[in-house]
Amino acid sequence: MRGFGELEAVVMSHLWDSGTHCTVREVFERLGQERQIAYTTAMSTMDNLHRKGWLARQRQGKAFLYWPTLTREQYGARVMRDALDAGGDPSLVLSHFIDQMSEEETAALRRLADAVDQQGPS
């Protein structure tokens, strides 16, 4: 899985933050508050994200409504999975990852691991 390009990441972030379906026009207007961008650039970026499977869409009149196919957290989990798969020895990758975590993140990971242990095998 490839990560997003810069503009793709901004578009996805806007869609995740909006919590609803958006048209290209809505995303274009939002992006226009932060950067100079052509409408066609916003449209082609969203179409590319749709073709890659990151956005779903449905026609509404002459426009399409777009929405993410994954939550931000599901996307983050996929990125982490891909990094684990591509990083060599998974135990070492996880060890280095944990070394970089804050105390709060480490405590959250311990709580999550304990909860999974209590659930038993799936």
N, C-alpha and C. Protein backbone atom coordinates (compact mmCIF):
# COMPACT_ATOMS: atom_id res chain seq x y z
N MET A 1 0.84 -1.18 0.00
CA MET A 1 0.00 0.00 0.00
C MET A 1 0.88 1.23 0.00
N ARG A 2 0.60 2.15 -0.86
CA ARG A 2 1.33 3.42 -0.87
C ARG A 2 0.59 4.41 0.01
N GLY A 3 1.35 5.30 0.62
CA GLY A 3 0.74 6.38 1.37
C GLY A 3 0.18 7.42 0.41
N PHE A 4 -0.38 8.45 0.95
CA PHE A 4 -0.95 9.52 0.15
C PHE A 4 0.12 10.52 -0.24
N GLY A 5 -0.06 11.14 -1.40
CA GLY A 5 0.73 12.30 -1.75
C GLY A 5 0.26 13.47 -0.90
N GLU A 6 0.97 14.60 -0.98
CA GLU A 6 0.65 15.74 -0.11
C GLU A 6 -0.80 16.21 -0.30
N LEU A 7 -1.21 16.45 -1.54
CA LEU A 7 -2.57 16.93 -1.78
C LEU A 7 -3.60 15.87 -1.44
N GLU A 8 -3.30 14.61 -1.75
CA GLU A 8 -4.22 13.53 -1.39
C GLU A 8 -4.43 13.49 0.13
N ALA A 9 -3.35 13.67 0.88
CA ALA A 9 -3.45 13.66 2.35
C ALA A 9 -4.32 14.80 2.85
N VAL A 10 -4.19 15.97 2.25
CA VAL A 10 -5.00 17.13 2.66
C VAL A 10 -6.47 16.87 2.35
N VAL A 11 -6.75 16.31 1.16
CA VAL A 11 -8.14 16.00 0.78
C VAL A 11 -8.72 14.97 1.74
N MET A 12 -7.96 13.90 2.00
CA MET A 12 -8.46 12.87 2.91
C MET A 12 -8.70 13.43 4.31
N SER A 13 -7.80 14.26 4.77
CA SER A 13 -7.95 14.86 6.09
C SER A 13 -9.24 15.70 6.15
N HIS A 14 -9.49 16.46 5.11
CA HIS A 14 -10.72 17.26 5.07
C HIS A 14 -11.95 16.35 5.11
N LEU A 15 -11.93 15.28 4.33
CA LEU A 15 -13.08 14.38 4.30
C LEU A 15 -13.27 13.69 5.64
N TRP A 16 -12.17 13.26 6.26
CA TRP A 16 -12.29 12.65 7.59
C TRP A 16 -12.81 13.65 8.61
N ASP A 17 -12.31 14.88 8.55
CA ASP A 17 -12.74 15.90 9.50
C ASP A 17 -14.20 16.30 9.30
N SER A 18 -14.66 16.26 8.05
CA SER A 18 -16.03 16.71 7.77
C SER A 18 -17.05 15.74 8.34
N GLY A 19 -16.71 14.46 8.37
CA GLY A 19 -17.63 13.46 8.92
C GLY A 19 -18.85 13.23 8.06
N THR A 20 -18.82 13.70 6.83
CA THR A 20 -19.98 13.54 5.95
C THR A 20 -19.51 13.40 4.52
N HIS A 21 -20.45 13.27 3.62
CA HIS A 21 -20.15 13.19 2.19
C HIS A 21 -19.88 14.60 1.68
N CYS A 22 -18.94 14.74 0.76
CA CYS A 22 -18.59 16.05 0.22
C CYS A 22 -18.52 15.99 -1.30
N THR A 23 -18.84 17.10 -1.92
CA THR A 23 -18.66 17.24 -3.35
C THR A 23 -17.27 17.80 -3.62
N VAL A 24 -16.84 17.71 -4.86
CA VAL A 24 -15.56 18.31 -5.24
C VAL A 24 -15.59 19.80 -4.94
N ARG A 25 -16.70 20.46 -5.24
CA ARG A 25 -16.83 21.90 -4.99
C ARG A 25 -16.59 22.23 -3.53
N GLU A 26 -17.17 21.45 -2.62
CA GLU A 26 -16.98 21.70 -1.19
C GLU A 26 -15.52 21.54 -0.78
N VAL A 27 -14.89 20.50 -1.27
CA VAL A 27 -13.48 20.28 -0.94
C VAL A 27 -12.63 21.38 -1.57
N PHE A 28 -12.90 21.74 -2.81
CA PHE A 28 -12.18 22.81 -3.50
C PHE A 28 -12.28 24.11 -2.71
N GLU A 29 -13.47 24.47 -2.25
CA GLU A 29 -13.64 25.72 -1.49
C GLU A 29 -12.89 25.67 -0.17
N ARG A 30 -12.90 24.53 0.47
CA ARG A 30 -12.17 24.39 1.74
C ARG A 30 -10.67 24.50 1.51
N LEU A 31 -10.18 23.80 0.48
CA LEU A 31 -8.75 23.86 0.18
C LEU A 31 -8.33 25.26 -0.24
N GLY A 32 -9.22 25.98 -0.92
CA GLY A 32 -8.92 27.32 -1.38
C GLY A 32 -8.67 28.31 -0.25
N GLN A 33 -9.12 27.97 0.95
CA GLN A 33 -8.86 28.83 2.12
C GLN A 33 -7.42 28.71 2.58
N GLU A 34 -6.75 27.61 2.21
CA GLU A 34 -5.41 27.34 2.70
C GLU A 34 -4.33 27.44 1.63
N ARG A 35 -4.72 27.28 0.35
CA ARG A 35 -3.74 27.23 -0.73
C ARG A 35 -4.42 27.58 -2.04
N GLN A 36 -3.61 27.96 -3.01
CA GLN A 36 -4.13 28.20 -4.35
C GLN A 36 -4.20 26.87 -5.06
N ILE A 37 -5.38 26.55 -5.54
CA ILE A 37 -5.58 25.27 -6.20
C ILE A 37 -6.66 25.44 -7.26
N ALA A 38 -6.49 24.77 -8.37
CA ALA A 38 -7.50 24.81 -9.43
C ALA A 38 -8.60 23.79 -9.12
N TYR A 39 -9.80 24.10 -9.52
CA TYR A 39 -10.92 23.19 -9.32
C TYR A 39 -10.60 21.84 -9.97
N THR A 40 -10.02 21.87 -11.16
CA THR A 40 -9.72 20.61 -11.87
C THR A 40 -8.69 19.78 -11.13
N THR A 41 -7.80 20.44 -10.40
CA THR A 41 -6.81 19.70 -9.60
C THR A 41 -7.51 18.98 -8.45
N ALA A 42 -8.42 19.66 -7.78
CA ALA A 42 -9.19 19.02 -6.71
C ALA A 42 -10.00 17.85 -7.28
N MET A 43 -10.62 18.07 -8.43
CA MET A 43 -11.44 17.03 -9.04
C MET A 43 -10.60 15.81 -9.43
N SER A 44 -9.44 16.04 -10.06
CA SER A 44 -8.63 14.90 -10.48
C SER A 44 -8.03 14.18 -9.27
N THR A 45 -7.69 14.92 -8.22
CA THR A 45 -7.17 14.29 -7.00
C THR A 45 -8.22 13.38 -6.37
N MET A 46 -9.45 13.87 -6.30
CA MET A 46 -10.52 13.06 -5.71
C MET A 46 -10.85 11.87 -6.60
N ASP A 47 -10.80 12.06 -7.91
CA ASP A 47 -11.04 10.95 -8.82
C ASP A 47 -9.93 9.90 -8.67
N ASN A 48 -8.69 10.34 -8.55
CA ASN A 48 -7.58 9.41 -8.33
C ASN A 48 -7.75 8.62 -7.03
N LEU A 49 -8.15 9.31 -5.97
CA LEU A 49 -8.39 8.63 -4.69
C LEU A 49 -9.53 7.61 -4.82
N HIS A 50 -10.52 7.94 -5.62
CA HIS A 50 -11.62 7.01 -5.87
C HIS A 50 -11.10 5.77 -6.63
N ARG A 51 -10.32 5.99 -7.68
CA ARG A 51 -9.79 4.88 -8.46
C ARG A 51 -8.87 3.99 -7.63
N LYS A 52 -8.16 4.58 -6.66
CA LYS A 52 -7.27 3.81 -5.79
C LYS A 52 -8.03 3.09 -4.67
N GLY A 53 -9.32 3.38 -4.54
CA GLY A 53 -10.14 2.71 -3.53
C GLY A 53 -10.23 3.41 -2.20
N TRP A 54 -9.65 4.62 -2.08
CA TRP A 54 -9.69 5.35 -0.81
C TRP A 54 -10.98 6.13 -0.62
N LEU A 55 -11.63 6.48 -1.73
CA LEU A 55 -12.91 7.20 -1.67
C LEU A 55 -13.97 6.41 -2.41
N ALA A 56 -15.18 6.44 -1.87
CA ALA A 56 -16.35 5.93 -2.57
C ALA A 56 -17.09 7.16 -3.08
N ARG A 57 -17.95 6.97 -4.07
CA ARG A 57 -18.70 8.11 -4.57
C ARG A 57 -20.05 7.65 -5.10
N GLN A 58 -20.95 8.61 -5.11
CA GLN A 58 -22.31 8.38 -5.63
C GLN A 58 -22.75 9.65 -6.33
N ARG A 59 -23.33 9.48 -7.49
CA ARG A 59 -23.79 10.64 -8.25
C ARG A 59 -24.99 11.26 -7.55
N GLN A 60 -24.95 12.59 -7.47
CA GLN A 60 -26.08 13.36 -6.97
C GLN A 60 -26.29 14.51 -7.93
N GLY A 61 -27.27 14.36 -8.81
CA GLY A 61 -27.46 15.35 -9.86
C GLY A 61 -26.29 15.31 -10.81
N LYS A 62 -25.68 16.48 -11.03
CA LYS A 62 -24.52 16.56 -11.94
C LYS A 62 -23.19 16.31 -11.22
N ALA A 63 -23.23 16.26 -9.91
CA ALA A 63 -22.00 16.12 -9.12
C ALA A 63 -21.93 14.74 -8.48
N PHE A 64 -20.76 14.43 -7.97
CA PHE A 64 -20.58 13.22 -7.17
C PHE A 64 -20.41 13.63 -5.72
N LEU A 65 -20.96 12.82 -4.82
CA LEU A 65 -20.66 12.92 -3.40
C LEU A 65 -19.56 11.90 -3.12
N TYR A 66 -18.53 12.31 -2.41
CA TYR A 66 -17.41 11.45 -2.07
C TYR A 66 -17.34 11.26 -0.56
N TRP A 67 -16.86 10.08 -0.14
CA TRP A 67 -16.61 9.82 1.27
C TRP A 67 -15.52 8.77 1.38
N PRO A 68 -14.76 8.80 2.49
CA PRO A 68 -13.67 7.84 2.66
C PRO A 68 -14.20 6.41 2.83
N THR A 69 -13.45 5.45 2.32
CA THR A 69 -13.83 4.05 2.48
C THR A 69 -13.32 3.48 3.80
N LEU A 70 -12.37 4.17 4.44
CA LEU A 70 -11.84 3.78 5.74
C LEU A 70 -11.83 4.98 6.66
N THR A 71 -11.93 4.75 7.95
CA THR A 71 -11.74 5.84 8.90
C THR A 71 -10.26 6.21 8.94
N ARG A 72 -9.96 7.34 9.51
CA ARG A 72 -8.56 7.76 9.67
C ARG A 72 -7.78 6.69 10.47
N GLU A 73 -8.43 6.14 11.50
CA GLU A 73 -7.77 5.15 12.34
C GLU A 73 -7.55 3.83 11.59
N GLN A 74 -8.50 3.43 10.76
CA GLN A 74 -8.31 2.22 9.95
C GLN A 74 -7.18 2.42 8.95
N TYR A 75 -7.10 3.60 8.36
CA TYR A 75 -5.99 3.90 7.45
C TYR A 75 -4.66 3.83 8.20
N GLY A 76 -4.61 4.43 9.39
CA GLY A 76 -3.39 4.40 10.19
C GLY A 76 -2.96 2.98 10.51
N ALA A 77 -3.93 2.13 10.81
CA ALA A 77 -3.62 0.73 11.10
C ALA A 77 -3.05 0.03 9.86
N ARG A 78 -3.59 0.36 8.68
CA ARG A 78 -3.05 -0.24 7.45
C ARG A 78 -1.62 0.21 7.19
N VAL A 79 -1.35 1.48 7.44
CA VAL A 79 0.01 1.99 7.25
C VAL A 79 0.96 1.27 8.20
N MET A 80 0.53 1.09 9.45
CA MET A 80 1.37 0.39 10.42
C MET A 80 1.58 -1.07 10.01
N ARG A 81 0.53 -1.71 9.52
CA ARG A 81 0.66 -3.10 9.06
C ARG A 81 1.65 -3.21 7.92
N ASP A 82 1.55 -2.29 6.97
CA ASP A 82 2.48 -2.30 5.84
C ASP A 82 3.91 -2.06 6.29
N ALA A 83 4.09 -1.15 7.24
CA ALA A 83 5.44 -0.90 7.76
C ALA A 83 5.98 -2.13 8.46
N LEU A 84 5.14 -2.82 9.20
CA LEU A 84 5.56 -4.04 9.88
C LEU A 84 5.94 -5.11 8.87
N ASP A 85 5.15 -5.24 7.80
CA ASP A 85 5.44 -6.25 6.77
C ASP A 85 6.72 -5.94 5.99
N ALA A 86 6.99 -4.66 5.78
CA ALA A 86 8.13 -4.27 4.94
C ALA A 86 9.40 -4.00 5.72
N GLY A 87 9.32 -3.99 7.04
CA GLY A 87 10.44 -3.53 7.84
C GLY A 87 11.46 -4.55 8.27
N GLY A 88 11.36 -5.77 7.80
CA GLY A 88 12.31 -6.80 8.23
C GLY A 88 11.70 -7.64 9.33
N ASP A 89 12.50 -7.96 10.34
CA ASP A 89 12.05 -8.81 11.44
C ASP A 89 10.95 -8.08 12.22
N PRO A 90 9.72 -8.61 12.21
CA PRO A 90 8.60 -7.93 12.88
C PRO A 90 8.85 -7.67 14.36
N SER A 91 9.53 -8.59 15.05
CA SER A 91 9.81 -8.39 16.48
C SER A 91 10.71 -7.18 16.69
N LEU A 92 11.72 -7.04 15.84
CA LEU A 92 12.62 -5.89 15.96
C LEU A 92 11.92 -4.59 15.57
N VAL A 93 11.11 -4.64 14.54
CA VAL A 93 10.36 -3.45 14.14
C VAL A 93 9.46 -2.99 15.28
N LEU A 94 8.73 -3.93 15.88
CA LEU A 94 7.86 -3.58 17.00
C LEU A 94 8.67 -3.05 18.18
N SER A 95 9.81 -3.65 18.45
CA SER A 95 10.66 -3.20 19.55
C SER A 95 11.11 -1.76 19.33
N HIS A 96 11.55 -1.44 18.12
CA HIS A 96 11.97 -0.07 17.83
C HIS A 96 10.78 0.90 17.89
N PHE A 97 9.64 0.44 17.44
CA PHE A 97 8.43 1.28 17.50
C PHE A 97 8.07 1.60 18.95
N ILE A 98 8.09 0.59 19.80
CA ILE A 98 7.74 0.79 21.21
C ILE A 98 8.75 1.70 21.89
N ASP A 99 10.02 1.59 21.51
CA ASP A 99 11.05 2.47 22.08
C ASP A 99 10.76 3.94 21.80
N GLN A 100 10.06 4.22 20.71
CA GLN A 100 9.78 5.60 20.32
C GLN A 100 8.47 6.14 20.91
N MET A 101 7.73 5.28 21.59
CA MET A 101 6.42 5.69 22.12
C MET A 101 6.58 6.48 23.42
N SER A 102 5.62 7.36 23.65
CA SER A 102 5.59 8.10 24.92
C SER A 102 5.10 7.17 26.03
N GLU A 103 5.24 7.61 27.27
CA GLU A 103 4.74 6.81 28.40
C GLU A 103 3.24 6.60 28.30
N GLU A 104 2.52 7.63 27.87
CA GLU A 104 1.06 7.51 27.74
C GLU A 104 0.69 6.49 26.66
N GLU A 105 1.42 6.53 25.55
CA GLU A 105 1.16 5.58 24.46
C GLU A 105 1.49 4.15 24.89
N THR A 106 2.59 4.00 25.63
CA THR A 106 2.98 2.68 26.12
C THR A 106 1.92 2.14 27.08
N ALA A 107 1.41 3.00 27.96
CA ALA A 107 0.37 2.58 28.90
C ALA A 107 -0.90 2.18 28.15
N ALA A 108 -1.26 2.94 27.12
CA ALA A 108 -2.44 2.60 26.32
C ALA A 108 -2.24 1.26 25.62
N LEU A 109 -1.04 1.02 25.12
CA LEU A 109 -0.75 -0.26 24.47
C LEU A 109 -0.86 -1.41 25.46
N ARG A 110 -0.36 -1.21 26.68
CA ARG A 110 -0.47 -2.26 27.71
C ARG A 110 -1.94 -2.56 28.02
N ARG A 111 -2.75 -1.50 28.16
CA ARG A 111 -4.18 -1.69 28.44
C ARG A 111 -4.86 -2.47 27.30
N LEU A 112 -4.51 -2.11 26.08
CA LEU A 112 -5.09 -2.80 24.93
C LEU A 112 -4.65 -4.26 24.88
N ALA A 113 -3.37 -4.53 25.13
CA ALA A 113 -2.88 -5.90 25.14
C ALA A 113 -3.56 -6.71 26.25
N ASP A 114 -3.76 -6.11 27.41
CA ASP A 114 -4.45 -6.80 28.51
C ASP A 114 -5.89 -7.11 28.13
N ALA A 115 -6.56 -6.17 27.48
CA ALA A 115 -7.95 -6.39 27.06
C ALA A 115 -8.04 -7.52 26.04
N VAL A 116 -7.08 -7.57 25.11
CA VAL A 116 -7.06 -8.64 24.11
C VAL A 116 -6.79 -9.98 24.79
N ASP A 117 -5.88 -10.01 25.76
CA ASP A 117 -5.57 -11.25 26.50
C ASP A 117 -6.81 -11.75 27.24
N GLN A 118 -7.59 -10.85 27.82
CA GLN A 118 -8.78 -11.23 28.57
C GLN A 118 -9.88 -11.77 27.65
N GLN A 119 -9.89 -11.32 26.40
CA GLN A 119 -10.90 -11.81 25.45
C GLN A 119 -10.62 -13.23 25.02
N GLY A 120 -9.38 -13.64 25.08
CA GLY A 120 -9.00 -14.99 24.65
C GLY A 120 -8.85 -15.07 23.16
N PRO A 121 -8.60 -16.29 22.65
CA PRO A 121 -8.39 -16.45 21.20
C PRO A 121 -9.64 -16.12 20.42
N SER A 122 -9.43 -15.57 19.20
CA SER A 122 -10.59 -15.22 18.38
C SER A 122 -11.03 -16.37 17.53
